[in-house]
Amino acid sequence: WLGEEKIFNVETSGSTGEPKKIEFSREQLVASAEASIQALS
């Protein structure tokens, strides 16, 4: 993150099926985090 990677692979827990890896962009993670930061003050 601090090295400014652009793509992150996240492994699912397997609670709803076989575990798998999903690719997300840095911008997607930022958008999710900013929404939480705002909602939770």
PDB file of all heavy atoms in Angstrom:
ATOM      1  N   TRP A   1       0.831  -1.211   0.000  1.00  0.00           N
ATOM      2  CA  TRP A   1       0.000   0.000   0.000  1.00  0.00           C
ATOM      3  C   TRP A   1       0.863   1.258   0.000  1.00  0.00           C
ATOM      4  O   TRP A   1       0.664   2.158  -0.831  1.00  0.00           O
ATOM      5  CB  TRP A   1      -0.937   0.012   1.202  1.00  0.00           C
ATOM      6  CG  TRP A   1      -1.900   1.166   1.117  1.00  0.00           C
ATOM      7  CD1 TRP A   1      -1.773   2.380   1.707  1.00  0.00           C
ATOM      8  CD2 TRP A   1      -3.099   1.198   0.348  1.00  0.00           C
ATOM      9  NE1 TRP A   1      -2.832   3.187   1.353  1.00  0.00           N
ATOM     10  CE2 TRP A   1      -3.659   2.490   0.529  1.00  0.00           C
ATOM     11  CE3 TRP A   1      -3.754   0.274  -0.461  1.00  0.00           C
ATOM     12  CZ2 TRP A   1      -4.850   2.872  -0.091  1.00  0.00           C
ATOM     13  CZ3 TRP A   1      -4.942   0.651  -1.070  1.00  0.00           C
ATOM     14  CH2 TRP A   1      -5.475   1.933  -0.889  1.00  0.00           C
ATOM     15  N   LEU A   2       1.812   1.332   0.910  1.00  0.00           N
ATOM     16  CA  LEU A   2       2.661   2.519   0.974  1.00  0.00           C
ATOM     17  C   LEU A   2       3.598   2.608  -0.223  1.00  0.00           C
ATOM     18  O   LEU A   2       4.078   3.687  -0.568  1.00  0.00           O
ATOM     19  CB  LEU A   2       3.449   2.538   2.279  1.00  0.00           C
ATOM     20  CG  LEU A   2       2.602   2.702   3.550  1.00  0.00           C
ATOM     21  CD1 LEU A   2       3.497   2.713   4.798  1.00  0.00           C
ATOM     22  CD2 LEU A   2       1.758   3.971   3.500  1.00  0.00           C
ATOM     23  N   GLY A   3       3.859   1.476  -0.855  1.00  0.00           N
ATOM     24  CA  GLY A   3       4.639   1.452  -2.085  1.00  0.00           C
ATOM     25  C   GLY A   3       3.822   1.790  -3.311  1.00  0.00           C
ATOM     26  O   GLY A   3       4.317   1.720  -4.433  1.00  0.00           O
ATOM     27  N   GLU A   4       2.551   2.143  -3.090  1.00  0.00           N
ATOM     28  CA  GLU A   4       1.640   2.616  -4.135  1.00  0.00           C
ATOM     29  C   GLU A   4       1.375   1.585  -5.221  1.00  0.00           C
ATOM     30  O   GLU A   4       1.275   1.903  -6.400  1.00  0.00           O
ATOM     31  CB  GLU A   4       2.148   3.937  -4.735  1.00  0.00           C
ATOM     32  CG  GLU A   4       2.262   5.044  -3.691  1.00  0.00           C
ATOM     33  CD  GLU A   4       2.706   6.384  -4.256  1.00  0.00           C
ATOM     34  OE1 GLU A   4       3.382   6.390  -5.303  1.00  0.00           O
ATOM     35  OE2 GLU A   4       2.369   7.411  -3.645  1.00  0.00           O
ATOM     36  N   GLU A   5       1.256   0.324  -4.790  1.00  0.00           N
ATOM     37  CA  GLU A   5       0.813  -0.710  -5.727  1.00  0.00           C
ATOM     38  C   GLU A   5      -0.555  -0.341  -6.278  1.00  0.00           C
ATOM     39  O   GLU A   5      -1.382   0.269  -5.579  1.00  0.00           O
ATOM     40  CB  GLU A   5       0.737  -2.063  -5.025  1.00  0.00           C
ATOM     41  CG  GLU A   5       2.076  -2.656  -4.641  1.00  0.00           C
ATOM     42  CD  GLU A   5       2.826  -3.240  -5.833  1.00  0.00           C
ATOM     43  OE1 GLU A   5       2.182  -3.506  -6.866  1.00  0.00           O
ATOM     44  OE2 GLU A   5       4.048  -3.412  -5.725  1.00  0.00           O
ATOM     45  N   LYS A   6      -0.814  -0.718  -7.510  1.00  0.00           N
ATOM     46  CA  LYS A   6      -2.074  -0.346  -8.166  1.00  0.00           C
ATOM     47  C   LYS A   6      -3.115  -1.450  -8.143  1.00  0.00           C
ATOM     48  O   LYS A   6      -4.315  -1.192  -8.225  1.00  0.00           O
ATOM     49  CB  LYS A   6      -1.805   0.047  -9.626  1.00  0.00           C
ATOM     50  CG  LYS A   6      -0.831   1.202  -9.782  1.00  0.00           C
ATOM     51  CD  LYS A   6      -1.318   2.458  -9.095  1.00  0.00           C
ATOM     52  CE  LYS A   6      -0.369   3.629  -9.309  1.00  0.00           C
ATOM     53  NZ  LYS A   6      -0.775   4.822  -8.536  1.00  0.00           N
ATOM     54  N   ILE A   7      -2.657  -2.712  -8.020  1.00  0.00           N
ATOM     55  CA  ILE A   7      -3.561  -3.855  -8.061  1.00  0.00           C
ATOM     56  C   ILE A   7      -3.328  -4.725  -6.831  1.00  0.00           C
ATOM     57  O   ILE A   7      -2.185  -4.985  -6.440  1.00  0.00           O
ATOM     58  CB  ILE A   7      -3.340  -4.706  -9.335  1.00  0.00           C
ATOM     59  CG1 ILE A   7      -3.614  -3.866 -10.583  1.00  0.00           C
ATOM     60  CG2 ILE A   7      -4.232  -5.945  -9.311  1.00  0.00           C
ATOM     61  CD1 ILE A   7      -5.058  -3.393 -10.732  1.00  0.00           C
ATOM     62  N   PHE A   8      -4.438  -5.175  -6.223  1.00  0.00           N
ATOM     63  CA  PHE A   8      -4.365  -6.012  -5.024  1.00  0.00           C
ATOM     64  C   PHE A   8      -5.221  -7.253  -5.225  1.00  0.00           C
ATOM     65  O   PHE A   8      -6.350  -7.172  -5.719  1.00  0.00           O
ATOM     66  CB  PHE A   8      -4.863  -5.235  -3.798  1.00  0.00           C
ATOM     67  CG  PHE A   8      -3.986  -4.077  -3.428  1.00  0.00           C
ATOM     68  CD1 PHE A   8      -4.128  -2.855  -4.064  1.00  0.00           C
ATOM     69  CD2 PHE A   8      -3.000  -4.219  -2.459  1.00  0.00           C
ATOM     70  CE1 PHE A   8      -3.310  -1.780  -3.733  1.00  0.00           C
ATOM     71  CE2 PHE A   8      -2.179  -3.149  -2.123  1.00  0.00           C
ATOM     72  CZ  PHE A   8      -2.337  -1.929  -2.763  1.00  0.00           C
ATOM     73  N   ASN A   9      -4.678  -8.401  -4.841  1.00  0.00           N
ATOM     74  CA  ASN A   9      -5.417  -9.654  -4.893  1.00  0.00           C
ATOM     75  C   ASN A   9      -5.897 -10.016  -3.491  1.00  0.00           C
ATOM     76  O   ASN A   9      -5.101 -10.021  -2.546  1.00  0.00           O
ATOM     77  CB  ASN A   9      -4.542 -10.783  -5.453  1.00  0.00           C
ATOM     78  CG  ASN A   9      -4.277 -10.608  -6.937  1.00  0.00           C
ATOM     79  OD1 ASN A   9      -5.208 -10.575  -7.736  1.00  0.00           O
ATOM     80  ND2 ASN A   9      -3.018 -10.475  -7.306  1.00  0.00           N
ATOM     81  N   VAL A  10      -7.183 -10.304  -3.379  1.00  0.00           N
ATOM     82  CA  VAL A  10      -7.783 -10.622  -2.090  1.00  0.00           C
ATOM     83  C   VAL A  10      -8.396 -12.015  -2.165  1.00  0.00           C
ATOM     84  O   VAL A  10      -9.121 -12.332  -3.113  1.00  0.00           O
ATOM     85  CB  VAL A  10      -8.868  -9.591  -1.709  1.00  0.00           C
ATOM     86  CG1 VAL A  10      -9.428  -9.911  -0.322  1.00  0.00           C
ATOM     87  CG2 VAL A  10      -8.296  -8.178  -1.747  1.00  0.00           C
ATOM     88  N   GLU A  11      -8.110 -12.831  -1.157  1.00  0.00           N
ATOM     89  CA  GLU A  11      -8.649 -14.190  -1.110  1.00  0.00           C
ATOM     90  C   GLU A  11      -9.962 -14.212  -0.345  1.00  0.00           C
ATOM     91  O   GLU A  11     -10.064 -13.619   0.733  1.00  0.00           O
ATOM     92  CB  GLU A  11      -7.641 -15.130  -0.446  1.00  0.00           C
ATOM     93  CG  GLU A  11      -8.058 -16.588  -0.478  1.00  0.00           C
ATOM     94  CD  GLU A  11      -6.959 -17.508   0.039  1.00  0.00           C
ATOM     95  OE1 GLU A  11      -5.778 -17.217  -0.212  1.00  0.00           O
ATOM     96  OE2 GLU A  11      -7.300 -18.506   0.685  1.00  0.00           O
ATOM     97  N   THR A  12     -10.972 -14.864  -0.900  1.00  0.00           N
ATOM     98  CA  THR A  12     -12.243 -14.996  -0.192  1.00  0.00           C
ATOM     99  C   THR A  12     -12.097 -16.026   0.925  1.00  0.00           C
ATOM    100  O   THR A  12     -11.221 -16.890   0.886  1.00  0.00           O
ATOM    101  CB  THR A  12     -13.379 -15.426  -1.134  1.00  0.00           C
ATOM    102  OG1 THR A  12     -13.082 -16.722  -1.662  1.00  0.00           O
ATOM    103  CG2 THR A  12     -13.542 -14.457  -2.302  1.00  0.00           C
ATOM    104  N   SER A  13     -12.974 -15.929   1.908  1.00  0.00           N
ATOM    105  CA  SER A  13     -12.878 -16.812   3.079  1.00  0.00           C
ATOM    106  C   SER A  13     -13.375 -18.220   2.795  1.00  0.00           C
ATOM    107  O   SER A  13     -13.067 -19.158   3.527  1.00  0.00           O
ATOM    108  CB  SER A  13     -13.678 -16.214   4.232  1.00  0.00           C
ATOM    109  OG  SER A  13     -15.052 -16.170   3.903  1.00  0.00           O
ATOM    110  N   GLY A  14     -14.189 -18.375   1.749  1.00  0.00           N
ATOM    111  CA  GLY A  14     -14.759 -19.684   1.444  1.00  0.00           C
ATOM    112  C   GLY A  14     -16.077 -19.952   2.149  1.00  0.00           C
ATOM    113  O   GLY A  14     -16.608 -21.062   2.084  1.00  0.00           O
ATOM    114  N   SER A  15     -16.630 -18.944   2.826  1.00  0.00           N
ATOM    115  CA  SER A  15     -17.880 -19.146   3.573  1.00  0.00           C
ATOM    116  C   SER A  15     -19.083 -19.355   2.659  1.00  0.00           C
ATOM    117  O   SER A  15     -20.081 -19.947   3.060  1.00  0.00           O
ATOM    118  CB  SER A  15     -18.145 -17.955   4.505  1.00  0.00           C
ATOM    119  OG  SER A  15     -18.234 -16.762   3.763  1.00  0.00           O
ATOM    120  N   THR A  16     -18.995 -18.882   1.412  1.00  0.00           N
ATOM    121  CA  THR A  16     -20.112 -19.044   0.479  1.00  0.00           C
ATOM    122  C   THR A  16     -19.726 -19.877  -0.741  1.00  0.00           C
ATOM    123  O   THR A  16     -20.425 -19.890  -1.738  1.00  0.00           O
ATOM    124  CB  THR A  16     -20.628 -17.672   0.020  1.00  0.00           C
ATOM    125  OG1 THR A  16     -19.549 -16.949  -0.603  1.00  0.00           O
ATOM    126  CG2 THR A  16     -21.171 -16.871   1.181  1.00  0.00           C
ATOM    127  N   GLY A  17     -18.615 -20.583  -0.668  1.00  0.00           N
ATOM    128  CA  GLY A  17     -18.168 -21.401  -1.786  1.00  0.00           C
ATOM    129  C   GLY A  17     -16.676 -21.646  -1.690  1.00  0.00           C
ATOM    130  O   GLY A  17     -16.044 -21.357  -0.686  1.00  0.00           O
ATOM    131  N   GLU A  18     -16.105 -22.195  -2.755  1.00  0.00           N
ATOM    132  CA  GLU A  18     -14.675 -22.462  -2.772  1.00  0.00           C
ATOM    133  C   GLU A  18     -13.893 -21.152  -2.680  1.00  0.00           C
ATOM    134  O   GLU A  18     -14.244 -20.173  -3.343  1.00  0.00           O
ATOM    135  CB  GLU A  18     -14.295 -23.192  -4.063  1.00  0.00           C
ATOM    136  CG  GLU A  18     -14.762 -24.640  -4.128  1.00  0.00           C
ATOM    137  CD  GLU A  18     -14.081 -25.507  -3.074  1.00  0.00           C
ATOM    138  OE1 GLU A  18     -12.856 -25.328  -2.858  1.00  0.00           O
ATOM    139  OE2 GLU A  18     -14.762 -26.343  -2.473  1.00  0.00           O
ATOM    140  N   PRO A  19     -12.849 -21.104  -1.824  1.00  0.00           N
ATOM    141  CA  PRO A  19     -12.031 -19.890  -1.754  1.00  0.00           C
ATOM    142  C   PRO A  19     -11.452 -19.553  -3.122  1.00  0.00           C
ATOM    143  O   PRO A  19     -11.083 -20.437  -3.899  1.00  0.00           O
ATOM    144  CB  PRO A  19     -10.920 -20.272  -0.769  1.00  0.00           C
ATOM    145  CG  PRO A  19     -11.491 -21.390   0.044  1.00  0.00           C
ATOM    146  CD  PRO A  19     -12.386 -22.151  -0.893  1.00  0.00           C
ATOM    147  N   LYS A  20     -11.394 -18.268  -3.417  1.00  0.00           N
ATOM    148  CA  LYS A  20     -10.836 -17.825  -4.686  1.00  0.00           C
ATOM    149  C   LYS A  20     -10.192 -16.457  -4.492  1.00  0.00           C
ATOM    150  O   LYS A  20     -10.432 -15.774  -3.489  1.00  0.00           O
ATOM    151  CB  LYS A  20     -11.932 -17.732  -5.753  1.00  0.00           C
ATOM    152  CG  LYS A  20     -13.067 -16.798  -5.394  1.00  0.00           C
ATOM    153  CD  LYS A  20     -14.161 -16.802  -6.438  1.00  0.00           C
ATOM    154  CE  LYS A  20     -15.324 -15.897  -6.022  1.00  0.00           C
ATOM    155  NZ  LYS A  20     -16.395 -15.898  -7.024  1.00  0.00           N
ATOM    156  N   LYS A  21      -9.359 -16.067  -5.430  1.00  0.00           N
ATOM    157  CA  LYS A  21      -8.717 -14.754  -5.370  1.00  0.00           C
ATOM    158  C   LYS A  21      -9.427 -13.800  -6.322  1.00  0.00           C
ATOM    159  O   LYS A  21      -9.763 -14.159  -7.454  1.00  0.00           O
ATOM    160  CB  LYS A  21      -7.234 -14.866  -5.717  1.00  0.00           C
ATOM    161  CG  LYS A  21      -6.406 -15.534  -4.630  1.00  0.00           C
ATOM    162  CD  LYS A  21      -4.927 -15.444  -4.908  1.00  0.00           C
ATOM    163  CE  LYS A  21      -4.122 -16.036  -3.739  1.00  0.00           C
ATOM    164  NZ  LYS A  21      -2.661 -15.971  -3.980  1.00  0.00           N
ATOM    165  N   ILE A  22      -9.647 -12.580  -5.840  1.00  0.00           N
ATOM    166  CA  ILE A  22     -10.306 -11.551  -6.624  1.00  0.00           C
ATOM    167  C   ILE A  22      -9.365 -10.364  -6.736  1.00  0.00           C
ATOM    168  O   ILE A  22      -8.732  -9.964  -5.755  1.00  0.00           O
ATOM    169  CB  ILE A  22     -11.636 -11.115  -5.983  1.00  0.00           C
ATOM    170  CG1 ILE A  22     -12.554 -12.322  -5.792  1.00  0.00           C
ATOM    171  CG2 ILE A  22     -12.335 -10.062  -6.840  1.00  0.00           C
ATOM    172  CD1 ILE A  22     -13.844 -12.006  -5.071  1.00  0.00           C
ATOM    173  N   GLU A  23      -9.288  -9.777  -7.908  1.00  0.00           N
ATOM    174  CA  GLU A  23      -8.402  -8.653  -8.148  1.00  0.00           C
ATOM    175  C   GLU A  23      -9.163  -7.335  -8.029  1.00  0.00           C
ATOM    176  O   GLU A  23     -10.248  -7.175  -8.586  1.00  0.00           O
ATOM    177  CB  GLU A  23      -7.787  -8.773  -9.548  1.00  0.00           C
ATOM    178  CG  GLU A  23      -6.749  -7.718  -9.870  1.00  0.00           C
ATOM    179  CD  GLU A  23      -6.121  -7.946 -11.226  1.00  0.00           C
ATOM    180  OE1 GLU A  23      -5.193  -8.779 -11.319  1.00  0.00           O
ATOM    181  OE2 GLU A  23      -6.571  -7.300 -12.196  1.00  0.00           O
ATOM    182  N   PHE A  24      -8.582  -6.393  -7.275  1.00  0.00           N
ATOM    183  CA  PHE A  24      -9.183  -5.074  -7.122  1.00  0.00           C
ATOM    184  C   PHE A  24      -8.136  -4.009  -7.430  1.00  0.00           C
ATOM    185  O   PHE A  24      -6.941  -4.200  -7.198  1.00  0.00           O
ATOM    186  CB  PHE A  24      -9.686  -4.857  -5.686  1.00  0.00           C
ATOM    187  CG  PHE A  24     -10.825  -5.746  -5.288  1.00  0.00           C
ATOM    188  CD1 PHE A  24     -10.607  -6.827  -4.450  1.00  0.00           C
ATOM    189  CD2 PHE A  24     -12.116  -5.502  -5.747  1.00  0.00           C
ATOM    190  CE1 PHE A  24     -11.652  -7.653  -4.073  1.00  0.00           C
ATOM    191  CE2 PHE A  24     -13.163  -6.319  -5.365  1.00  0.00           C
ATOM    192  CZ  PHE A  24     -12.937  -7.403  -4.534  1.00  0.00           C
ATOM    193  N   SER A  25      -8.611  -2.876  -7.896  1.00  0.00           N
ATOM    194  CA  SER A  25      -7.706  -1.753  -8.126  1.00  0.00           C
ATOM    195  C   SER A  25      -7.539  -0.946  -6.842  1.00  0.00           C
ATOM    196  O   SER A  25      -8.396  -0.998  -5.943  1.00  0.00           O
ATOM    197  CB  SER A  25      -8.249  -0.834  -9.220  1.00  0.00           C
ATOM    198  OG  SER A  25      -9.416  -0.149  -8.756  1.00  0.00           O
ATOM    199  N   ARG A  26      -6.470  -0.201  -6.782  1.00  0.00           N
ATOM    200  CA  ARG A  26      -6.231   0.678  -5.640  1.00  0.00           C
ATOM    201  C   ARG A  26      -7.398   1.669  -5.489  1.00  0.00           C
ATOM    202  O   ARG A  26      -7.841   1.957  -4.385  1.00  0.00           O
ATOM    203  CB  ARG A  26      -4.917   1.430  -5.846  1.00  0.00           C
ATOM    204  CG  ARG A  26      -4.498   2.289  -4.654  1.00  0.00           C
ATOM    205  CD  ARG A  26      -3.221   3.068  -4.950  1.00  0.00           C
ATOM    206  NE  ARG A  26      -2.728   3.738  -3.757  1.00  0.00           N
ATOM    207  CZ  ARG A  26      -1.905   3.193  -2.889  1.00  0.00           C
ATOM    208  NH1 ARG A  26      -1.462   1.958  -3.069  1.00  0.00           N
ATOM    209  NH2 ARG A  26      -1.500   3.872  -1.819  1.00  0.00           N
ATOM    210  N   GLU A  27      -7.891   2.179  -6.622  1.00  0.00           N
ATOM    211  CA  GLU A  27      -8.985   3.149  -6.585  1.00  0.00           C
ATOM    212  C   GLU A  27     -10.233   2.552  -5.952  1.00  0.00           C
ATOM    213  O   GLU A  27     -10.973   3.248  -5.234  1.00  0.00           O
ATOM    214  CB  GLU A  27      -9.299   3.634  -8.003  1.00  0.00           C
ATOM    215  CG  GLU A  27      -8.261   4.542  -8.615  1.00  0.00           C
ATOM    216  CD  GLU A  27      -7.003   3.808  -9.065  1.00  0.00           C
ATOM    217  OE1 GLU A  27      -7.056   2.552  -9.204  1.00  0.00           O
ATOM    218  OE2 GLU A  27      -5.963   4.479  -9.269  1.00  0.00           O
ATOM    219  N   GLN A  28     -10.480   1.276  -6.178  1.00  0.00           N
ATOM    220  CA  GLN A  28     -11.649   0.626  -5.574  1.00  0.00           C
ATOM    221  C   GLN A  28     -11.504   0.527  -4.055  1.00  0.00           C
ATOM    222  O   GLN A  28     -12.457   0.760  -3.320  1.00  0.00           O
ATOM    223  CB  GLN A  28     -11.849  -0.767  -6.182  1.00  0.00           C
ATOM    224  CG  GLN A  28     -12.367  -0.745  -7.614  1.00  0.00           C
ATOM    225  CD  GLN A  28     -12.416  -2.136  -8.222  1.00  0.00           C
ATOM    226  OE1 GLN A  28     -11.420  -2.867  -8.206  1.00  0.00           O
ATOM    227  NE2 GLN A  28     -13.567  -2.512  -8.752  1.00  0.00           N
ATOM    228  N   LEU A  29     -10.310   0.178  -3.590  1.00  0.00           N
ATOM    229  CA  LEU A  29     -10.079   0.101  -2.148  1.00  0.00           C
ATOM    230  C   LEU A  29     -10.213   1.475  -1.499  1.00  0.00           C
ATOM    231  O   LEU A  29     -10.775   1.609  -0.412  1.00  0.00           O
ATOM    232  CB  LEU A  29      -8.704  -0.506  -1.852  1.00  0.00           C
ATOM    233  CG  LEU A  29      -8.656  -2.042  -1.729  1.00  0.00           C
ATOM    234  CD1 LEU A  29      -8.878  -2.709  -3.074  1.00  0.00           C
ATOM    235  CD2 LEU A  29      -7.317  -2.505  -1.145  1.00  0.00           C
ATOM    236  N   VAL A  30      -9.693   2.501  -2.175  1.00  0.00           N
ATOM    237  CA  VAL A  30      -9.795   3.863  -1.644  1.00  0.00           C
ATOM    238  C   VAL A  30     -11.254   4.290  -1.547  1.00  0.00           C
ATOM    239  O   VAL A  30     -11.682   4.859  -0.531  1.00  0.00           O
ATOM    240  CB  VAL A  30      -8.998   4.852  -2.526  1.00  0.00           C
ATOM    241  CG1 VAL A  30      -9.347   6.299  -2.169  1.00  0.00           C
ATOM    242  CG2 VAL A  30      -7.503   4.627  -2.357  1.00  0.00           C
ATOM    243  N   ALA A  31     -12.045   4.017  -2.575  1.00  0.00           N
ATOM    244  CA  ALA A  31     -13.450   4.416  -2.570  1.00  0.00           C
ATOM    245  C   ALA A  31     -14.206   3.742  -1.433  1.00  0.00           C
ATOM    246  O   ALA A  31     -15.012   4.381  -0.736  1.00  0.00           O
ATOM    247  CB  ALA A  31     -14.099   4.075  -3.913  1.00  0.00           C
ATOM    248  N   SER A  32     -13.950   2.463  -1.199  1.00  0.00           N
ATOM    249  CA  SER A  32     -14.605   1.741  -0.115  1.00  0.00           C
ATOM    250  C   SER A  32     -14.200   2.318   1.238  1.00  0.00           C
ATOM    251  O   SER A  32     -15.045   2.557   2.109  1.00  0.00           O
ATOM    252  CB  SER A  32     -14.238   0.254  -0.180  1.00  0.00           C
ATOM    253  OG  SER A  32     -14.742  -0.432   0.952  1.00  0.00           O
ATOM    254  N   ALA A  33     -12.904   2.543   1.413  1.00  0.00           N
ATOM    255  CA  ALA A  33     -12.418   3.070   2.691  1.00  0.00           C
ATOM    256  C   ALA A  33     -12.972   4.463   2.968  1.00  0.00           C
ATOM    257  O   ALA A  33     -13.386   4.770   4.092  1.00  0.00           O
ATOM    258  CB  ALA A  33     -10.891   3.106   2.689  1.00  0.00           C
ATOM    259  N   GLU A  34     -12.996   5.313   1.964  1.00  0.00           N
ATOM    260  CA  GLU A  34     -13.492   6.679   2.157  1.00  0.00           C
ATOM    261  C   GLU A  34     -14.969   6.690   2.526  1.00  0.00           C
ATOM    262  O   GLU A  34     -15.403   7.512   3.343  1.00  0.00           O
ATOM    263  CB  GLU A  34     -13.231   7.510   0.906  1.00  0.00           C
ATOM    264  CG  GLU A  34     -11.758   7.857   0.722  1.00  0.00           C
ATOM    265  CD  GLU A  34     -11.495   8.728  -0.488  1.00  0.00           C
ATOM    266  OE1 GLU A  34     -12.337   8.723  -1.418  1.00  0.00           O
ATOM    267  OE2 GLU A  34     -10.442   9.392  -0.525  1.00  0.00           O
ATOM    268  N   ALA A  35     -15.748   5.783   1.948  1.00  0.00           N
ATOM    269  CA  ALA A  35     -17.170   5.706   2.298  1.00  0.00           C
ATOM    270  C   ALA A  35     -17.350   5.302   3.758  1.00  0.00           C
ATOM    271  O   ALA A  35     -18.192   5.864   4.469  1.00  0.00           O
ATOM    272  CB  ALA A  35     -17.883   4.710   1.371  1.00  0.00           C
ATOM    273  N   SER A  36     -16.545   4.339   4.218  1.00  0.00           N
ATOM    274  CA  SER A  36     -16.614   3.913   5.621  1.00  0.00           C
ATOM    275  C   SER A  36     -16.169   5.027   6.561  1.00  0.00           C
ATOM    276  O   SER A  36     -16.780   5.263   7.604  1.00  0.00           O
ATOM    277  CB  SER A  36     -15.744   2.675   5.853  1.00  0.00           C
ATOM    278  OG  SER A  36     -16.247   1.569   5.154  1.00  0.00           O
ATOM    279  N   ILE A  37     -15.087   5.697   6.203  1.00  0.00           N
ATOM    280  CA  ILE A  37     -14.568   6.791   7.029  1.00  0.00           C
ATOM    281  C   ILE A  37     -15.631   7.863   7.215  1.00  0.00           C
ATOM    282  O   ILE A  37     -15.850   8.373   8.320  1.00  0.00           O
ATOM    283  CB  ILE A  37     -13.293   7.376   6.383  1.00  0.00           C
ATOM    284  CG1 ILE A  37     -12.139   6.381   6.515  1.00  0.00           C
ATOM    285  CG2 ILE A  37     -12.922   8.718   7.007  1.00  0.00           C
ATOM    286  CD1 ILE A  37     -10.954   6.695   5.604  1.00  0.00           C
ATOM    287  N   GLN A  38     -16.332   8.189   6.136  1.00  0.00           N
ATOM    288  CA  GLN A  38     -17.377   9.209   6.212  1.00  0.00           C
ATOM    289  C   GLN A  38     -18.563   8.724   7.032  1.00  0.00           C
ATOM    290  O   GLN A  38     -19.054   9.429   7.920  1.00  0.00           O
ATOM    291  CB  GLN A  38     -17.838   9.583   4.802  1.00  0.00           C
ATOM    292  CG  GLN A  38     -18.918  10.668   4.780  1.00  0.00           C
ATOM    293  CD  GLN A  38     -19.345  11.028   3.372  1.00  0.00           C
ATOM    294  OE1 GLN A  38     -18.639  10.755   2.393  1.00  0.00           O
ATOM    295  NE2 GLN A  38     -20.508  11.637   3.243  1.00  0.00           N
ATOM    296  N   ALA A  39     -19.030   7.508   6.760  1.00  0.00           N
ATOM    297  CA  ALA A  39     -20.216   6.991   7.449  1.00  0.00           C
ATOM    298  C   ALA A  39     -19.987   6.821   8.940  1.00  0.00           C
ATOM    299  O   ALA A  39     -20.896   7.034   9.750  1.00  0.00           O
ATOM    300  CB  ALA A  39     -20.635   5.656   6.825  1.00  0.00           C
ATOM    301  N   LEU A  40     -18.766   6.436   9.328  1.00  0.00           N
ATOM    302  CA  LEU A  40     -18.455   6.165  10.730  1.00  0.00           C
ATOM    303  C   LEU A  40     -17.833   7.360  11.451  1.00  0.00           C
ATOM    304  O   LEU A  40     -17.547   7.278  12.646  1.00  0.00           O
ATOM    305  CB  LEU A  40     -17.507   4.964  10.820  1.00  0.00           C
ATOM    306  CG  LEU A  40     -18.068   3.637  10.299  1.00  0.00           C
ATOM    307  CD1 LEU A  40     -16.955   2.599  10.182  1.00  0.00           C
ATOM    308  CD2 LEU A  40     -19.184   3.125  11.191  1.00  0.00           C
ATOM    309  N   SER A  41     -17.629   8.463  10.716  1.00  0.00           N
ATOM    310  CA  SER A  41     -17.034   9.681  11.295  1.00  0.00           C
ATOM    311  C   SER A  41     -15.696   9.385  11.968  1.00  0.00           C
ATOM    312  O   SER A  41     -15.425   9.839  13.080  1.00  0.00           O
ATOM    313  CB  SER A  41     -17.998  10.339  12.287  1.00  0.00           C
ATOM    314  OG  SER A  41     -19.219  10.698  11.654  1.00  0.00           O
TER     315      SER A  41
END
